[in-house]
Amino acid sequence: MSTVSQAPRARGSRREELLRAGARLFADRGFHGTSIEDVGAAVGISGPAVYKHFPSKDALLAAMLVGISERLLEGGRAEVARASGDSDALRRLIAFHTDFALGDPDLIRVQDRDLANLSEGERRRVRRLQRDYVETWVGVLTRLDPGLEPAAARIQAHAVFGLLNSTPYSGRQPGPARDVLESMARQALTANSARATN
């Protein structure tokens, strides 16, 4: 493989390394407690070298939080598109979000604590992406239960996100945690429709 074809891949890899290291450090120390030098050192480069990938620490945080919001929205929509029906779509959405919660606990902690440190424009962008992600769930939930009002479906979706996103604060137990979380989320979201059919 030529050096020319390797260069973009290497740059992309280093950028991802910096995003992961930044998420870990911001989660542990907070945005204001972490310097660009800290992030660079975590991946074995100098602080100034970080600026080849991100123009500022603010840009690193924005890439982190906008990126995960885009990933959730695109992934959620893809799961619904692949589903064989709405019940399957709900199962897929729960599994997808559980994967995120167990796989990216640092990003959950960063979003909880440091969303306010984004610029107003980037914060609005994240919020818009998050609203669209919630509406992906609302569409599935209201089709499964035609009597469910969209406002109530949004409350249900946010409550399940709260449950699943609690994983960074409840210790790392990837084995049983997945089954427990998915079962609880499923029961919470289908409780009303189950009662309605009884």
N, C-alpha and C. Protein backbone atom coordinates (compact mmCIF):
# COMPACT_ATOMS: atom_id res chain seq x y z
N MET A 1 0.85 -1.19 0.00
CA MET A 1 0.00 0.00 0.00
C MET A 1 0.89 1.24 0.00
N SER A 2 0.51 2.24 -0.77
CA SER A 2 1.37 3.42 -0.89
C SER A 2 1.25 4.32 0.32
N THR A 3 2.27 5.18 0.49
CA THR A 3 2.26 6.14 1.59
C THR A 3 1.11 7.12 1.42
N VAL A 4 0.81 7.47 0.16
CA VAL A 4 -0.26 8.43 -0.11
C VAL A 4 -1.59 7.88 0.39
N SER A 5 -1.88 6.60 0.13
CA SER A 5 -3.16 6.04 0.56
C SER A 5 -3.21 5.81 2.06
N GLN A 6 -2.06 5.65 2.70
CA GLN A 6 -2.03 5.43 4.14
C GLN A 6 -2.26 6.72 4.93
N ALA A 7 -1.85 7.87 4.37
CA ALA A 7 -1.88 9.13 5.12
C ALA A 7 -3.28 9.51 5.60
N PRO A 8 -4.32 9.52 4.73
CA PRO A 8 -5.65 9.88 5.22
C PRO A 8 -6.14 8.94 6.32
N ARG A 9 -5.84 7.65 6.15
CA ARG A 9 -6.28 6.69 7.16
C ARG A 9 -5.59 6.96 8.48
N ALA A 10 -4.29 7.29 8.44
CA ALA A 10 -3.55 7.57 9.67
C ALA A 10 -4.10 8.80 10.36
N ARG A 11 -4.43 9.84 9.55
CA ARG A 11 -4.99 11.06 10.14
C ARG A 11 -6.33 10.76 10.80
N GLY A 12 -7.16 9.96 10.10
CA GLY A 12 -8.46 9.60 10.65
C GLY A 12 -8.32 8.81 11.93
N SER A 13 -7.37 7.90 11.96
CA SER A 13 -7.14 7.08 13.14
C SER A 13 -6.70 7.94 14.32
N ARG A 14 -5.78 8.86 14.08
CA ARG A 14 -5.32 9.73 15.16
C ARG A 14 -6.45 10.62 15.66
N ARG A 15 -7.28 11.09 14.76
CA ARG A 15 -8.42 11.92 15.17
C ARG A 15 -9.34 11.13 16.09
N GLU A 16 -9.62 9.87 15.72
CA GLU A 16 -10.46 9.02 16.57
C GLU A 16 -9.81 8.76 17.91
N GLU A 17 -8.51 8.56 17.91
CA GLU A 17 -7.78 8.37 19.17
C GLU A 17 -7.94 9.58 20.08
N LEU A 18 -7.83 10.77 19.48
CA LEU A 18 -7.97 12.00 20.27
C LEU A 18 -9.39 12.16 20.81
N LEU A 19 -10.39 11.80 20.01
CA LEU A 19 -11.77 11.87 20.48
C LEU A 19 -11.99 10.92 21.65
N ARG A 20 -11.47 9.70 21.54
CA ARG A 20 -11.64 8.73 22.64
C ARG A 20 -10.90 9.19 23.89
N ALA A 21 -9.66 9.66 23.70
CA ALA A 21 -8.88 10.13 24.86
C ALA A 21 -9.53 11.35 25.49
N GLY A 22 -10.01 12.26 24.65
CA GLY A 22 -10.68 13.45 25.16
C GLY A 22 -11.92 13.10 25.95
N ALA A 23 -12.71 12.15 25.44
CA ALA A 23 -13.93 11.72 26.15
C ALA A 23 -13.56 11.14 27.51
N ARG A 24 -12.53 10.31 27.54
CA ARG A 24 -12.11 9.68 28.81
C ARG A 24 -11.65 10.74 29.81
N LEU A 25 -10.84 11.68 29.35
CA LEU A 25 -10.32 12.72 30.25
C LEU A 25 -11.40 13.69 30.69
N PHE A 26 -12.27 14.11 29.75
CA PHE A 26 -13.35 15.02 30.12
C PHE A 26 -14.29 14.34 31.11
N ALA A 27 -14.53 13.04 30.92
CA ALA A 27 -15.41 12.30 31.83
C ALA A 27 -14.81 12.25 33.23
N ASP A 28 -13.50 12.05 33.31
CA ASP A 28 -12.83 11.91 34.60
C ASP A 28 -12.58 13.26 35.28
N ARG A 29 -12.14 14.25 34.49
CA ARG A 29 -11.69 15.52 35.07
C ARG A 29 -12.58 16.71 34.76
N GLY A 30 -13.49 16.55 33.81
CA GLY A 30 -14.29 17.68 33.36
C GLY A 30 -13.59 18.43 32.25
N PHE A 31 -14.37 19.16 31.47
CA PHE A 31 -13.85 19.93 30.34
C PHE A 31 -12.81 20.95 30.81
N HIS A 32 -13.15 21.67 31.87
CA HIS A 32 -12.25 22.74 32.33
C HIS A 32 -11.04 22.18 33.08
N GLY A 33 -11.13 20.95 33.54
CA GLY A 33 -10.00 20.34 34.25
C GLY A 33 -9.04 19.61 33.34
N THR A 34 -9.28 19.68 32.03
CA THR A 34 -8.44 18.98 31.06
C THR A 34 -7.86 19.98 30.07
N SER A 35 -6.58 19.86 29.80
CA SER A 35 -5.94 20.74 28.83
C SER A 35 -5.70 20.00 27.52
N ILE A 36 -5.46 20.77 26.46
CA ILE A 36 -5.10 20.17 25.18
C ILE A 36 -3.84 19.34 25.33
N GLU A 37 -2.90 19.79 26.17
CA GLU A 37 -1.67 19.04 26.42
C GLU A 37 -1.98 17.67 27.03
N ASP A 38 -2.98 17.64 27.95
CA ASP A 38 -3.39 16.36 28.56
C ASP A 38 -3.91 15.40 27.49
N VAL A 39 -4.72 15.92 26.58
CA VAL A 39 -5.30 15.07 25.53
C VAL A 39 -4.20 14.55 24.61
N GLY A 40 -3.29 15.44 24.22
CA GLY A 40 -2.18 15.01 23.36
C GLY A 40 -1.33 13.95 24.03
N ALA A 41 -1.00 14.18 25.30
CA ALA A 41 -0.15 13.23 26.03
C ALA A 41 -0.81 11.86 26.12
N ALA A 42 -2.14 11.83 26.20
CA ALA A 42 -2.85 10.56 26.33
C ALA A 42 -2.70 9.69 25.08
N VAL A 43 -2.40 10.30 23.94
CA VAL A 43 -2.20 9.52 22.71
C VAL A 43 -0.76 9.60 22.21
N GLY A 44 0.12 10.17 23.04
CA GLY A 44 1.54 10.17 22.71
C GLY A 44 2.01 11.25 21.76
N ILE A 45 1.29 12.39 21.72
CA ILE A 45 1.74 13.51 20.89
C ILE A 45 1.75 14.77 21.74
N SER A 46 2.37 15.81 21.22
CA SER A 46 2.43 17.06 21.96
C SER A 46 1.10 17.80 21.87
N GLY A 47 0.91 18.74 22.80
CA GLY A 47 -0.31 19.55 22.76
C GLY A 47 -0.50 20.26 21.44
N PRO A 48 0.54 20.98 20.95
CA PRO A 48 0.37 21.68 19.67
C PRO A 48 0.01 20.75 18.50
N ALA A 49 0.45 19.50 18.55
CA ALA A 49 0.13 18.56 17.46
C ALA A 49 -1.36 18.24 17.41
N VAL A 50 -2.04 18.42 18.54
CA VAL A 50 -3.49 18.18 18.56
C VAL A 50 -4.19 19.15 17.62
N TYR A 51 -3.64 20.37 17.47
CA TYR A 51 -4.27 21.40 16.64
C TYR A 51 -4.28 21.05 15.16
N LYS A 52 -3.51 20.03 14.77
CA LYS A 52 -3.59 19.56 13.37
C LYS A 52 -4.93 18.88 13.11
N HIS A 53 -5.56 18.42 14.17
CA HIS A 53 -6.82 17.68 14.04
C HIS A 53 -8.02 18.48 14.54
N PHE A 54 -7.83 19.30 15.57
CA PHE A 54 -8.90 20.13 16.14
C PHE A 54 -8.34 21.52 16.42
N PRO A 55 -9.00 22.58 15.96
CA PRO A 55 -8.46 23.92 16.15
C PRO A 55 -8.48 24.42 17.59
N SER A 56 -9.24 23.76 18.46
CA SER A 56 -9.33 24.19 19.85
C SER A 56 -9.92 23.06 20.69
N LYS A 57 -9.84 23.23 22.00
CA LYS A 57 -10.47 22.26 22.90
C LYS A 57 -11.99 22.31 22.73
N ASP A 58 -12.53 23.49 22.47
CA ASP A 58 -13.97 23.62 22.23
C ASP A 58 -14.38 22.81 21.01
N ALA A 59 -13.55 22.84 19.96
CA ALA A 59 -13.85 22.09 18.74
C ALA A 59 -13.81 20.58 19.01
N LEU A 60 -12.91 20.16 19.87
CA LEU A 60 -12.83 18.74 20.24
C LEU A 60 -14.12 18.31 20.95
N LEU A 61 -14.58 19.12 21.89
CA LEU A 61 -15.82 18.81 22.60
C LEU A 61 -17.00 18.80 21.64
N ALA A 62 -17.05 19.76 20.72
CA ALA A 62 -18.15 19.82 19.76
C ALA A 62 -18.15 18.59 18.87
N ALA A 63 -16.98 18.19 18.38
CA ALA A 63 -16.89 17.01 17.52
C ALA A 63 -17.37 15.77 18.27
N MET A 64 -17.05 15.72 19.55
CA MET A 64 -17.43 14.59 20.39
C MET A 64 -18.96 14.51 20.53
N LEU A 65 -19.60 15.61 20.94
CA LEU A 65 -21.02 15.58 21.27
C LEU A 65 -21.92 15.65 20.04
N VAL A 66 -21.50 16.43 19.03
CA VAL A 66 -22.26 16.43 17.78
C VAL A 66 -22.12 15.07 17.11
N GLY A 67 -20.91 14.52 17.16
CA GLY A 67 -20.66 13.23 16.51
C GLY A 67 -21.50 12.11 17.10
N ILE A 68 -21.58 12.03 18.42
CA ILE A 68 -22.35 10.94 19.02
C ILE A 68 -23.84 11.17 18.79
N SER A 69 -24.29 12.41 18.74
CA SER A 69 -25.71 12.68 18.47
C SER A 69 -26.07 12.28 17.04
N GLU A 70 -25.16 12.55 16.10
CA GLU A 70 -25.39 12.14 14.72
C GLU A 70 -25.39 10.62 14.60
N ARG A 71 -24.47 9.98 15.31
CA ARG A 71 -24.36 8.52 15.26
C ARG A 71 -25.62 7.86 15.81
N LEU A 72 -26.15 8.40 16.90
CA LEU A 72 -27.38 7.85 17.47
C LEU A 72 -28.55 8.00 16.50
N LEU A 73 -28.69 9.18 15.93
CA LEU A 73 -29.81 9.41 15.01
C LEU A 73 -29.70 8.52 13.78
N GLU A 74 -28.54 8.50 13.15
CA GLU A 74 -28.37 7.67 11.94
C GLU A 74 -28.56 6.19 12.27
N GLY A 75 -27.98 5.76 13.39
CA GLY A 75 -28.09 4.36 13.77
C GLY A 75 -29.51 3.97 14.12
N GLY A 76 -30.21 4.83 14.86
CA GLY A 76 -31.59 4.55 15.23
C GLY A 76 -32.48 4.44 13.99
N ARG A 77 -32.31 5.37 13.06
CA ARG A 77 -33.11 5.32 11.83
C ARG A 77 -32.80 4.06 11.02
N ALA A 78 -31.53 3.68 10.99
CA ALA A 78 -31.14 2.48 10.25
C ALA A 78 -31.75 1.23 10.87
N GLU A 79 -31.81 1.17 12.20
CA GLU A 79 -32.41 0.01 12.86
C GLU A 79 -33.90 -0.09 12.53
N VAL A 80 -34.58 1.04 12.52
CA VAL A 80 -36.01 1.03 12.19
C VAL A 80 -36.21 0.61 10.73
N ALA A 81 -35.35 1.11 9.85
CA ALA A 81 -35.47 0.77 8.43
C ALA A 81 -35.24 -0.72 8.17
N ARG A 82 -34.39 -1.35 8.98
CA ARG A 82 -34.08 -2.77 8.79
C ARG A 82 -35.11 -3.69 9.44
N ALA A 83 -35.96 -3.13 10.29
CA ALA A 83 -36.87 -3.96 11.08
C ALA A 83 -37.97 -4.59 10.22
N SER A 84 -38.43 -5.74 10.67
CA SER A 84 -39.49 -6.44 9.95
C SER A 84 -40.88 -5.91 10.32
N GLY A 85 -40.95 -5.11 11.36
CA GLY A 85 -42.21 -4.52 11.82
C GLY A 85 -41.92 -3.65 13.02
N ASP A 86 -42.95 -3.06 13.59
CA ASP A 86 -42.72 -2.12 14.69
C ASP A 86 -42.23 -2.80 15.97
N SER A 87 -42.70 -4.01 16.25
CA SER A 87 -42.20 -4.72 17.44
C SER A 87 -40.72 -5.01 17.29
N ASP A 88 -40.32 -5.42 16.10
CA ASP A 88 -38.90 -5.67 15.83
C ASP A 88 -38.11 -4.36 15.89
N ALA A 89 -38.73 -3.28 15.40
CA ALA A 89 -38.06 -1.97 15.44
C ALA A 89 -37.78 -1.55 16.88
N LEU A 90 -38.76 -1.76 17.76
CA LEU A 90 -38.56 -1.39 19.16
C LEU A 90 -37.45 -2.24 19.79
N ARG A 91 -37.48 -3.54 19.50
CA ARG A 91 -36.43 -4.42 20.02
C ARG A 91 -35.06 -3.95 19.53
N ARG A 92 -34.96 -3.59 18.26
CA ARG A 92 -33.70 -3.14 17.69
C ARG A 92 -33.25 -1.81 18.30
N LEU A 93 -34.18 -0.88 18.50
CA LEU A 93 -33.83 0.41 19.10
C LEU A 93 -33.29 0.22 20.52
N ILE A 94 -33.95 -0.64 21.29
CA ILE A 94 -33.50 -0.89 22.66
C ILE A 94 -32.10 -1.49 22.65
N ALA A 95 -31.88 -2.49 21.78
CA ALA A 95 -30.56 -3.12 21.71
C ALA A 95 -29.50 -2.13 21.24
N PHE A 96 -29.85 -1.29 20.28
CA PHE A 96 -28.93 -0.29 19.75
C PHE A 96 -28.52 0.71 20.83
N HIS A 97 -29.50 1.21 21.57
CA HIS A 97 -29.18 2.20 22.60
C HIS A 97 -28.43 1.55 23.76
N THR A 98 -28.74 0.30 24.06
CA THR A 98 -28.01 -0.41 25.10
C THR A 98 -26.55 -0.57 24.69
N ASP A 99 -26.30 -0.89 23.42
CA ASP A 99 -24.92 -0.97 22.91
C ASP A 99 -24.19 0.35 23.15
N PHE A 100 -24.86 1.45 22.83
CA PHE A 100 -24.26 2.77 23.04
C PHE A 100 -23.96 3.00 24.51
N ALA A 101 -24.94 2.73 25.37
CA ALA A 101 -24.77 3.01 26.80
C ALA A 101 -23.63 2.19 27.41
N LEU A 102 -23.51 0.93 27.00
CA LEU A 102 -22.46 0.07 27.54
C LEU A 102 -21.11 0.34 26.87
N GLY A 103 -21.15 0.79 25.61
CA GLY A 103 -19.91 0.98 24.87
C GLY A 103 -19.29 2.36 24.98
N ASP A 104 -20.11 3.38 25.30
CA ASP A 104 -19.61 4.75 25.34
C ASP A 104 -19.97 5.47 26.63
N PRO A 105 -19.67 4.87 27.78
CA PRO A 105 -20.06 5.51 29.04
C PRO A 105 -19.39 6.87 29.25
N ASP A 106 -18.18 7.04 28.73
CA ASP A 106 -17.49 8.33 28.89
C ASP A 106 -18.26 9.44 28.20
N LEU A 107 -18.78 9.16 27.00
CA LEU A 107 -19.53 10.18 26.27
C LEU A 107 -20.81 10.56 26.99
N ILE A 108 -21.44 9.60 27.64
CA ILE A 108 -22.65 9.91 28.42
C ILE A 108 -22.30 10.88 29.55
N ARG A 109 -21.21 10.61 30.24
CA ARG A 109 -20.81 11.49 31.34
C ARG A 109 -20.41 12.88 30.84
N VAL A 110 -19.73 12.93 29.70
CA VAL A 110 -19.34 14.23 29.14
C VAL A 110 -20.59 15.02 28.75
N GLN A 111 -21.54 14.36 28.10
CA GLN A 111 -22.76 15.08 27.71
C GLN A 111 -23.50 15.59 28.93
N ASP A 112 -23.62 14.75 29.96
CA ASP A 112 -24.34 15.16 31.17
C ASP A 112 -23.72 16.40 31.80
N ARG A 113 -22.39 16.45 31.81
CA ARG A 113 -21.71 17.51 32.55
C ARG A 113 -21.29 18.70 31.69
N ASP A 114 -20.95 18.44 30.43
CA ASP A 114 -20.28 19.50 29.65
C ASP A 114 -21.03 20.00 28.44
N LEU A 115 -22.27 19.57 28.23
CA LEU A 115 -23.04 20.09 27.11
C LEU A 115 -23.11 21.61 27.15
N ALA A 116 -23.23 22.17 28.34
CA ALA A 116 -23.34 23.63 28.49
C ALA A 116 -22.08 24.36 28.05
N ASN A 117 -20.96 23.65 27.92
CA ASN A 117 -19.71 24.29 27.49
C ASN A 117 -19.61 24.42 25.98
N LEU A 118 -20.56 23.86 25.23
CA LEU A 118 -20.58 24.06 23.79
C LEU A 118 -21.02 25.49 23.47
N SER A 119 -20.64 25.96 22.30
CA SER A 119 -21.16 27.25 21.85
C SER A 119 -22.66 27.12 21.66
N GLU A 120 -23.34 28.25 21.64
CA GLU A 120 -24.80 28.22 21.53
C GLU A 120 -25.23 27.49 20.26
N GLY A 121 -24.54 27.75 19.14
CA GLY A 121 -24.90 27.12 17.87
C GLY A 121 -24.72 25.61 17.91
N GLU A 122 -23.60 25.14 18.46
CA GLU A 122 -23.35 23.71 18.54
C GLU A 122 -24.31 23.03 19.52
N ARG A 123 -24.63 23.75 20.58
CA ARG A 123 -25.58 23.19 21.56
C ARG A 123 -26.96 23.02 20.92
N ARG A 124 -27.37 24.01 20.13
CA ARG A 124 -28.66 23.89 19.42
C ARG A 124 -28.63 22.72 18.43
N ARG A 125 -27.49 22.55 17.78
CA ARG A 125 -27.35 21.45 16.82
C ARG A 125 -27.49 20.09 17.52
N VAL A 126 -26.83 19.95 18.66
CA VAL A 126 -26.94 18.71 19.42
C VAL A 126 -28.38 18.48 19.86
N ARG A 127 -29.02 19.52 20.37
CA ARG A 127 -30.40 19.38 20.83
C ARG A 127 -31.34 18.99 19.69
N ARG A 128 -31.11 19.56 18.50
CA ARG A 128 -31.96 19.22 17.36
C ARG A 128 -31.79 17.75 16.97
N LEU A 129 -30.54 17.29 16.93
CA LEU A 129 -30.27 15.88 16.62
C LEU A 129 -30.91 14.97 17.67
N GLN A 130 -30.82 15.37 18.93
CA GLN A 130 -31.41 14.57 20.00
C GLN A 130 -32.92 14.51 19.86
N ARG A 131 -33.54 15.64 19.52
CA ARG A 131 -35.00 15.64 19.34
C ARG A 131 -35.41 14.70 18.20
N ASP A 132 -34.64 14.73 17.12
CA ASP A 132 -34.94 13.86 15.99
C ASP A 132 -34.78 12.38 16.38
N TYR A 133 -33.80 12.09 17.22
CA TYR A 133 -33.61 10.72 17.69
C TYR A 133 -34.80 10.29 18.55
N VAL A 134 -35.24 11.16 19.44
CA VAL A 134 -36.41 10.86 20.27
C VAL A 134 -37.63 10.59 19.37
N GLU A 135 -37.80 11.41 18.32
CA GLU A 135 -38.96 11.23 17.45
C GLU A 135 -38.91 9.90 16.70
N THR A 136 -37.72 9.36 16.46
CA THR A 136 -37.60 8.03 15.86
C THR A 136 -38.26 7.00 16.77
N TRP A 137 -38.01 7.11 18.07
CA TRP A 137 -38.64 6.22 19.05
C TRP A 137 -40.14 6.49 19.15
N VAL A 138 -40.51 7.76 19.15
CA VAL A 138 -41.93 8.12 19.29
C VAL A 138 -42.75 7.52 18.15
N GLY A 139 -42.21 7.58 16.93
CA GLY A 139 -42.92 7.01 15.79
C GLY A 139 -43.20 5.53 15.98
N VAL A 140 -42.21 4.80 16.45
CA VAL A 140 -42.39 3.36 16.68
C VAL A 140 -43.40 3.11 17.79
N LEU A 141 -43.25 3.83 18.90
CA LEU A 141 -44.11 3.61 20.06
C LEU A 141 -45.57 3.92 19.76
N THR A 142 -45.82 4.99 19.02
CA THR A 142 -47.21 5.37 18.74
C THR A 142 -47.82 4.46 17.67
N ARG A 143 -47.02 3.88 16.82
CA ARG A 143 -47.57 2.89 15.87
C ARG A 143 -47.89 1.58 16.59
N LEU A 144 -47.08 1.23 17.57
CA LEU A 144 -47.35 0.01 18.35
C LEU A 144 -48.59 0.17 19.21
N ASP A 145 -48.81 1.38 19.70
CA ASP A 145 -49.95 1.66 20.58
C ASP A 145 -50.65 2.91 20.06
N PRO A 146 -51.61 2.75 19.12
CA PRO A 146 -52.26 3.91 18.51
C PRO A 146 -52.94 4.84 19.52
N GLY A 147 -53.25 4.34 20.72
CA GLY A 147 -53.86 5.19 21.74
C GLY A 147 -52.87 6.03 22.51
N LEU A 148 -51.60 5.82 22.26
CA LEU A 148 -50.56 6.54 22.99
C LEU A 148 -50.33 7.91 22.36
N GLU A 149 -50.48 8.95 23.15
CA GLU A 149 -50.23 10.31 22.66
C GLU A 149 -48.74 10.52 22.45
N PRO A 150 -48.33 11.27 21.41
CA PRO A 150 -46.91 11.52 21.17
C PRO A 150 -46.19 12.11 22.39
N ALA A 151 -46.88 12.99 23.12
CA ALA A 151 -46.24 13.59 24.30
C ALA A 151 -45.91 12.53 25.34
N ALA A 152 -46.83 11.58 25.53
CA ALA A 152 -46.58 10.49 26.48
C ALA A 152 -45.46 9.57 25.97
N ALA A 153 -45.44 9.35 24.66
CA ALA A 153 -44.38 8.51 24.08
C ALA A 153 -43.00 9.17 24.27
N ARG A 154 -42.95 10.50 24.18
CA ARG A 154 -41.67 11.19 24.42
C ARG A 154 -41.22 11.01 25.86
N ILE A 155 -42.16 11.09 26.79
CA ILE A 155 -41.82 10.87 28.20
C ILE A 155 -41.28 9.46 28.39
N GLN A 156 -41.93 8.48 27.76
CA GLN A 156 -41.47 7.11 27.87
C GLN A 156 -40.05 6.95 27.31
N ALA A 157 -39.82 7.53 26.13
CA ALA A 157 -38.50 7.42 25.51
C ALA A 157 -37.43 8.03 26.40
N HIS A 158 -37.69 9.23 26.91
CA HIS A 158 -36.70 9.89 27.78
C HIS A 158 -36.46 9.08 29.05
N ALA A 159 -37.52 8.48 29.60
CA ALA A 159 -37.36 7.68 30.81
C ALA A 159 -36.47 6.46 30.54
N VAL A 160 -36.65 5.83 29.38
CA VAL A 160 -35.82 4.67 29.04
C VAL A 160 -34.38 5.11 28.77
N PHE A 161 -34.20 6.26 28.15
CA PHE A 161 -32.83 6.76 27.97
C PHE A 161 -32.17 6.96 29.34
N GLY A 162 -32.94 7.50 30.29
CA GLY A 162 -32.40 7.69 31.64
C GLY A 162 -31.97 6.38 32.26
N LEU A 163 -32.79 5.35 32.08
CA LEU A 163 -32.46 4.03 32.59
C LEU A 163 -31.18 3.50 31.93
N LEU A 164 -31.17 3.49 30.61
CA LEU A 164 -30.02 2.92 29.90
C LEU A 164 -28.76 3.75 30.09
N ASN A 165 -28.92 5.07 30.13
CA ASN A 165 -27.75 5.94 30.25
C ASN A 165 -27.22 6.03 31.68
N SER A 166 -27.84 5.30 32.60
CA SER A 166 -27.35 5.28 33.98
C SER A 166 -26.13 4.37 34.13
N THR A 167 -25.81 3.59 33.10
CA THR A 167 -24.74 2.60 33.21
C THR A 167 -23.38 3.18 33.61
N PRO A 168 -22.99 4.40 33.20
CA PRO A 168 -21.69 4.90 33.64
C PRO A 168 -21.62 5.13 35.15
N TYR A 169 -22.77 5.20 35.79
CA TYR A 169 -22.80 5.51 37.22
C TYR A 169 -23.12 4.29 38.08
N SER A 170 -23.30 3.12 37.43
CA SER A 170 -23.69 1.93 38.19
C SER A 170 -22.65 0.82 38.13
N GLY A 171 -21.43 1.17 37.75
CA GLY A 171 -20.37 0.17 37.68
C GLY A 171 -20.40 -0.56 36.37
N ARG A 172 -19.27 -1.13 35.98
CA ARG A 172 -19.17 -1.80 34.68
C ARG A 172 -19.40 -3.28 34.86
N GLN A 173 -20.57 -3.73 34.46
CA GLN A 173 -20.92 -5.15 34.55
C GLN A 173 -21.52 -5.57 33.20
N PRO A 174 -20.67 -5.65 32.16
CA PRO A 174 -21.20 -5.87 30.81
C PRO A 174 -21.92 -7.18 30.61
N GLY A 175 -21.60 -8.22 31.38
CA GLY A 175 -22.25 -9.52 31.20
C GLY A 175 -23.74 -9.46 31.45
N PRO A 176 -24.15 -9.48 32.72
CA PRO A 176 -25.58 -9.47 33.02
C PRO A 176 -26.26 -8.14 32.73
N ALA A 177 -25.49 -7.06 32.67
CA ALA A 177 -26.11 -5.74 32.53
C ALA A 177 -26.94 -5.64 31.27
N ARG A 178 -26.44 -6.15 30.16
CA ARG A 178 -27.17 -6.03 28.90
C ARG A 178 -28.56 -6.66 28.99
N ASP A 179 -28.64 -7.89 29.44
CA ASP A 179 -29.93 -8.58 29.52
C ASP A 179 -30.88 -7.86 30.47
N VAL A 180 -30.36 -7.43 31.62
CA VAL A 180 -31.20 -6.75 32.61
C VAL A 180 -31.73 -5.44 32.03
N LEU A 181 -30.85 -4.65 31.43
CA LEU A 181 -31.25 -3.34 30.90
C LEU A 181 -32.26 -3.48 29.76
N GLU A 182 -32.00 -4.40 28.84
CA GLU A 182 -32.92 -4.57 27.71
C GLU A 182 -34.29 -5.05 28.19
N SER A 183 -34.29 -5.97 29.15
CA SER A 183 -35.56 -6.48 29.68
C SER A 183 -36.34 -5.37 30.38
N MET A 184 -35.66 -4.57 31.20
CA MET A 184 -36.34 -3.48 31.90
C MET A 184 -36.89 -2.44 30.92
N ALA A 185 -36.10 -2.11 29.92
CA ALA A 185 -36.54 -1.12 28.93
C ALA A 185 -37.76 -1.63 28.17
N ARG A 186 -37.72 -2.89 27.76
CA ARG A 186 -38.84 -3.48 27.03
C ARG A 186 -40.11 -3.46 27.88
N GLN A 187 -39.98 -3.87 29.14
CA GLN A 187 -41.14 -3.90 30.03
C GLN A 187 -41.70 -2.50 30.26
N ALA A 188 -40.82 -1.53 30.43
CA ALA A 188 -41.27 -0.16 30.68
C ALA A 188 -42.04 0.39 29.47
N LEU A 189 -41.56 0.08 28.27
CA LEU A 189 -42.16 0.66 27.07
C LEU A 189 -43.40 -0.08 26.61
N THR A 190 -43.59 -1.30 27.04
CA THR A 190 -44.75 -2.07 26.57
C THR A 190 -45.80 -2.27 27.65
N ALA A 191 -45.56 -1.71 28.84
CA ALA A 191 -46.48 -1.92 29.96
C ALA A 191 -47.89 -1.40 29.65
N ASN A 192 -47.97 -0.19 29.09
CA ASN A 192 -49.28 0.40 28.81
C ASN A 192 -50.06 -0.39 27.78
N SER A 193 -49.38 -0.77 26.68
CA SER A 193 -50.08 -1.52 25.63
C SER A 193 -50.49 -2.89 26.12
N ALA A 194 -49.67 -3.49 27.01
CA ALA A 194 -50.04 -4.80 27.55
C ALA A 194 -51.29 -4.69 28.42
N ARG A 195 -51.36 -3.62 29.22
CA ARG A 195 -52.55 -3.43 30.08
C ARG A 195 -53.80 -3.18 29.22
N ALA A 196 -53.58 -2.46 28.12
CA ALA A 196 -54.74 -2.10 27.27
C ALA A 196 -55.35 -3.32 26.61
N THR A 197 -54.55 -4.34 26.38
CA THR A 197 -55.07 -5.54 25.71
C THR A 197 -55.65 -6.55 26.69
N ASN A 198 -55.48 -6.32 28.01
CA ASN A 198 -55.99 -7.26 29.03
C ASN A 198 -57.42 -6.91 29.44
